[in-house]
Amino acid sequence: MAKDLIDLRKKDLDQLNQELESVRAEQFTMRIKHKTGQLNETNLLKVNRRKVARIKTLITELKNKESK
């Protein structure tokens, strides 16, 4: 988990926004699979949700750093 955060911190704002879009798309796909009973590893929903939160936090940090 810390490795993911280190990798995300190396990215700039545009790359983080692209990463957020891809994770959101993956999250949507997993939710659909979960509702239809095709998703066996339901823990991935929680992991993905937390990844979205981490990315959003880093985006906010970068925006605050730029405004100062």
N, C-alpha and C. Protein backbone atom coordinates (compact mmCIF):
# COMPACT_ATOMS: atom_id res chain seq x y z
N MET A 1 0.82 -1.18 0.00
CA MET A 1 0.00 0.00 0.00
C MET A 1 0.87 1.25 0.00
N ALA A 2 1.93 1.29 0.77
CA ALA A 2 2.80 2.45 0.82
C ALA A 2 3.50 2.64 -0.52
N LYS A 3 3.77 1.53 -1.20
CA LYS A 3 4.42 1.62 -2.51
C LYS A 3 3.50 2.33 -3.51
N ASP A 4 2.20 2.05 -3.45
CA ASP A 4 1.25 2.72 -4.32
C ASP A 4 1.23 4.22 -4.06
N LEU A 5 1.27 4.59 -2.80
CA LEU A 5 1.25 6.00 -2.44
C LEU A 5 2.51 6.71 -2.92
N ILE A 6 3.65 6.06 -2.80
CA ILE A 6 4.90 6.64 -3.27
C ILE A 6 4.85 6.84 -4.78
N ASP A 7 4.32 5.86 -5.50
CA ASP A 7 4.19 5.98 -6.95
C ASP A 7 3.23 7.11 -7.33
N LEU A 8 2.14 7.24 -6.59
CA LEU A 8 1.18 8.30 -6.89
C LEU A 8 1.75 9.68 -6.61
N ARG A 9 2.57 9.80 -5.57
CA ARG A 9 3.16 11.10 -5.23
C ARG A 9 4.15 11.59 -6.29
N LYS A 10 4.69 10.69 -7.09
CA LYS A 10 5.63 11.07 -8.14
C LYS A 10 4.93 11.68 -9.35
N LYS A 11 3.62 11.51 -9.45
CA LYS A 11 2.87 11.95 -10.62
C LYS A 11 2.44 13.41 -10.46
N ASP A 12 2.26 14.07 -11.61
CA ASP A 12 1.77 15.44 -11.57
C ASP A 12 0.24 15.45 -11.64
N LEU A 13 -0.33 16.63 -11.67
CA LEU A 13 -1.78 16.78 -11.57
C LEU A 13 -2.51 16.12 -12.73
N ASP A 14 -2.01 16.28 -13.95
CA ASP A 14 -2.66 15.66 -15.12
C ASP A 14 -2.63 14.14 -15.04
N GLN A 15 -1.50 13.61 -14.63
CA GLN A 15 -1.38 12.16 -14.52
C GLN A 15 -2.30 11.62 -13.43
N LEU A 16 -2.45 12.36 -12.33
CA LEU A 16 -3.35 11.93 -11.26
C LEU A 16 -4.80 11.94 -11.73
N ASN A 17 -5.16 12.94 -12.52
CA ASN A 17 -6.53 12.99 -13.04
C ASN A 17 -6.79 11.82 -13.98
N GLN A 18 -5.82 11.46 -14.80
CA GLN A 18 -5.97 10.31 -15.69
C GLN A 18 -6.08 9.02 -14.88
N GLU A 19 -5.27 8.91 -13.85
CA GLU A 19 -5.31 7.73 -12.98
C GLU A 19 -6.68 7.63 -12.29
N LEU A 20 -7.21 8.78 -11.86
CA LEU A 20 -8.52 8.80 -11.21
C LEU A 20 -9.60 8.33 -12.18
N GLU A 21 -9.54 8.77 -13.42
CA GLU A 21 -10.53 8.33 -14.41
C GLU A 21 -10.47 6.82 -14.64
N SER A 22 -9.25 6.29 -14.73
CA SER A 22 -9.13 4.85 -14.98
C SER A 22 -9.60 4.03 -13.78
N VAL A 23 -9.30 4.49 -12.59
CA VAL A 23 -9.73 3.77 -11.39
C VAL A 23 -11.25 3.85 -11.25
N ARG A 24 -11.83 5.00 -11.58
CA ARG A 24 -13.28 5.13 -11.54
C ARG A 24 -13.96 4.19 -12.53
N ALA A 25 -13.38 4.07 -13.73
CA ALA A 25 -13.93 3.16 -14.73
C ALA A 25 -13.85 1.71 -14.24
N GLU A 26 -12.72 1.38 -13.64
CA GLU A 26 -12.55 0.03 -13.09
C GLU A 26 -13.54 -0.22 -11.95
N GLN A 27 -13.75 0.80 -11.13
CA GLN A 27 -14.69 0.70 -10.02
C GLN A 27 -16.11 0.46 -10.54
N PHE A 28 -16.48 1.16 -11.59
CA PHE A 28 -17.81 0.98 -12.18
C PHE A 28 -17.98 -0.45 -12.69
N THR A 29 -16.96 -0.94 -13.39
CA THR A 29 -17.01 -2.30 -13.93
C THR A 29 -17.15 -3.32 -12.81
N MET A 30 -16.41 -3.12 -11.73
CA MET A 30 -16.48 -4.06 -10.61
C MET A 30 -17.84 -4.01 -9.92
N ARG A 31 -18.43 -2.82 -9.82
CA ARG A 31 -19.76 -2.73 -9.21
C ARG A 31 -20.80 -3.48 -10.03
N ILE A 32 -20.71 -3.35 -11.35
CA ILE A 32 -21.64 -4.07 -12.22
C ILE A 32 -21.45 -5.58 -12.07
N LYS A 33 -20.19 -6.03 -12.05
CA LYS A 33 -19.91 -7.45 -11.88
C LYS A 33 -20.42 -7.95 -10.53
N HIS A 34 -20.29 -7.13 -9.50
CA HIS A 34 -20.75 -7.51 -8.17
C HIS A 34 -22.27 -7.69 -8.16
N LYS A 35 -22.97 -6.77 -8.79
CA LYS A 35 -24.44 -6.84 -8.81
C LYS A 35 -24.93 -8.05 -9.61
N THR A 36 -24.18 -8.45 -10.64
CA THR A 36 -24.61 -9.59 -11.44
C THR A 36 -24.07 -10.91 -10.90
N GLY A 37 -23.27 -10.84 -9.83
CA GLY A 37 -22.76 -12.06 -9.21
C GLY A 37 -21.51 -12.62 -9.86
N GLN A 38 -20.84 -11.84 -10.68
CA GLN A 38 -19.64 -12.32 -11.37
C GLN A 38 -18.35 -11.99 -10.62
N LEU A 39 -18.42 -11.12 -9.63
CA LEU A 39 -17.22 -10.70 -8.89
C LEU A 39 -17.05 -11.60 -7.67
N ASN A 40 -15.98 -12.38 -7.66
CA ASN A 40 -15.74 -13.29 -6.55
C ASN A 40 -14.98 -12.61 -5.41
N GLU A 41 -14.10 -11.69 -5.73
CA GLU A 41 -13.29 -11.01 -4.72
C GLU A 41 -13.91 -9.66 -4.40
N THR A 42 -14.86 -9.66 -3.48
CA THR A 42 -15.58 -8.43 -3.17
C THR A 42 -14.73 -7.44 -2.40
N ASN A 43 -13.61 -7.89 -1.84
CA ASN A 43 -12.73 -6.98 -1.12
C ASN A 43 -12.11 -5.95 -2.06
N LEU A 44 -12.09 -6.24 -3.35
CA LEU A 44 -11.53 -5.31 -4.31
C LEU A 44 -12.35 -4.02 -4.41
N LEU A 45 -13.63 -4.10 -4.09
CA LEU A 45 -14.46 -2.90 -4.08
C LEU A 45 -13.95 -1.90 -3.04
N LYS A 46 -13.62 -2.40 -1.88
CA LYS A 46 -13.12 -1.54 -0.80
C LYS A 46 -11.73 -1.00 -1.15
N VAL A 47 -10.88 -1.85 -1.70
CA VAL A 47 -9.53 -1.43 -2.09
C VAL A 47 -9.60 -0.33 -3.13
N ASN A 48 -10.48 -0.50 -4.09
CA ASN A 48 -10.62 0.47 -5.16
C ASN A 48 -11.17 1.79 -4.63
N ARG A 49 -12.13 1.73 -3.73
CA ARG A 49 -12.71 2.94 -3.15
C ARG A 49 -11.65 3.74 -2.39
N ARG A 50 -10.80 3.04 -1.69
CA ARG A 50 -9.73 3.72 -0.94
C ARG A 50 -8.69 4.32 -1.88
N LYS A 51 -8.44 3.66 -3.00
CA LYS A 51 -7.49 4.19 -3.98
C LYS A 51 -8.01 5.50 -4.56
N VAL A 52 -9.32 5.56 -4.82
CA VAL A 52 -9.93 6.80 -5.31
C VAL A 52 -9.74 7.91 -4.28
N ALA A 53 -9.94 7.59 -3.02
CA ALA A 53 -9.79 8.58 -1.96
C ALA A 53 -8.35 9.07 -1.87
N ARG A 54 -7.38 8.17 -2.01
CA ARG A 54 -5.98 8.58 -1.97
C ARG A 54 -5.64 9.53 -3.11
N ILE A 55 -6.12 9.19 -4.30
CA ILE A 55 -5.84 10.03 -5.46
C ILE A 55 -6.47 11.40 -5.30
N LYS A 56 -7.70 11.44 -4.83
CA LYS A 56 -8.38 12.72 -4.62
C LYS A 56 -7.65 13.57 -3.57
N THR A 57 -7.14 12.93 -2.53
CA THR A 57 -6.39 13.64 -1.50
C THR A 57 -5.11 14.25 -2.08
N LEU A 58 -4.40 13.48 -2.90
CA LEU A 58 -3.18 13.99 -3.52
C LEU A 58 -3.47 15.13 -4.47
N ILE A 59 -4.58 15.06 -5.21
CA ILE A 59 -4.96 16.14 -6.11
C ILE A 59 -5.22 17.41 -5.32
N THR A 60 -5.91 17.28 -4.20
CA THR A 60 -6.19 18.44 -3.35
C THR A 60 -4.90 19.02 -2.79
N GLU A 61 -3.99 18.17 -2.37
CA GLU A 61 -2.70 18.63 -1.85
C GLU A 61 -1.94 19.42 -2.90
N LEU A 62 -1.92 18.91 -4.13
CA LEU A 62 -1.21 19.60 -5.21
C LEU A 62 -1.86 20.94 -5.53
N LYS A 63 -3.17 20.99 -5.53
CA LYS A 63 -3.88 22.25 -5.82
C LYS A 63 -3.61 23.28 -4.72
N ASN A 64 -3.58 22.84 -3.47
CA ASN A 64 -3.29 23.74 -2.37
C ASN A 64 -1.86 24.25 -2.41
N LYS A 65 -0.94 23.37 -2.83
CA LYS A 65 0.46 23.75 -2.93
C LYS A 65 0.66 24.80 -4.03
N GLU A 66 -0.09 24.66 -5.13
CA GLU A 66 0.02 25.60 -6.24
C GLU A 66 -0.56 26.97 -5.88
N SER A 67 -1.60 27.00 -5.07
CA SER A 67 -2.25 28.26 -4.75
C SER A 67 -1.46 29.09 -3.73
N LYS A 68 -0.51 28.48 -3.05
CA LYS A 68 0.26 29.22 -2.04
C LYS A 68 1.35 30.03 -2.66
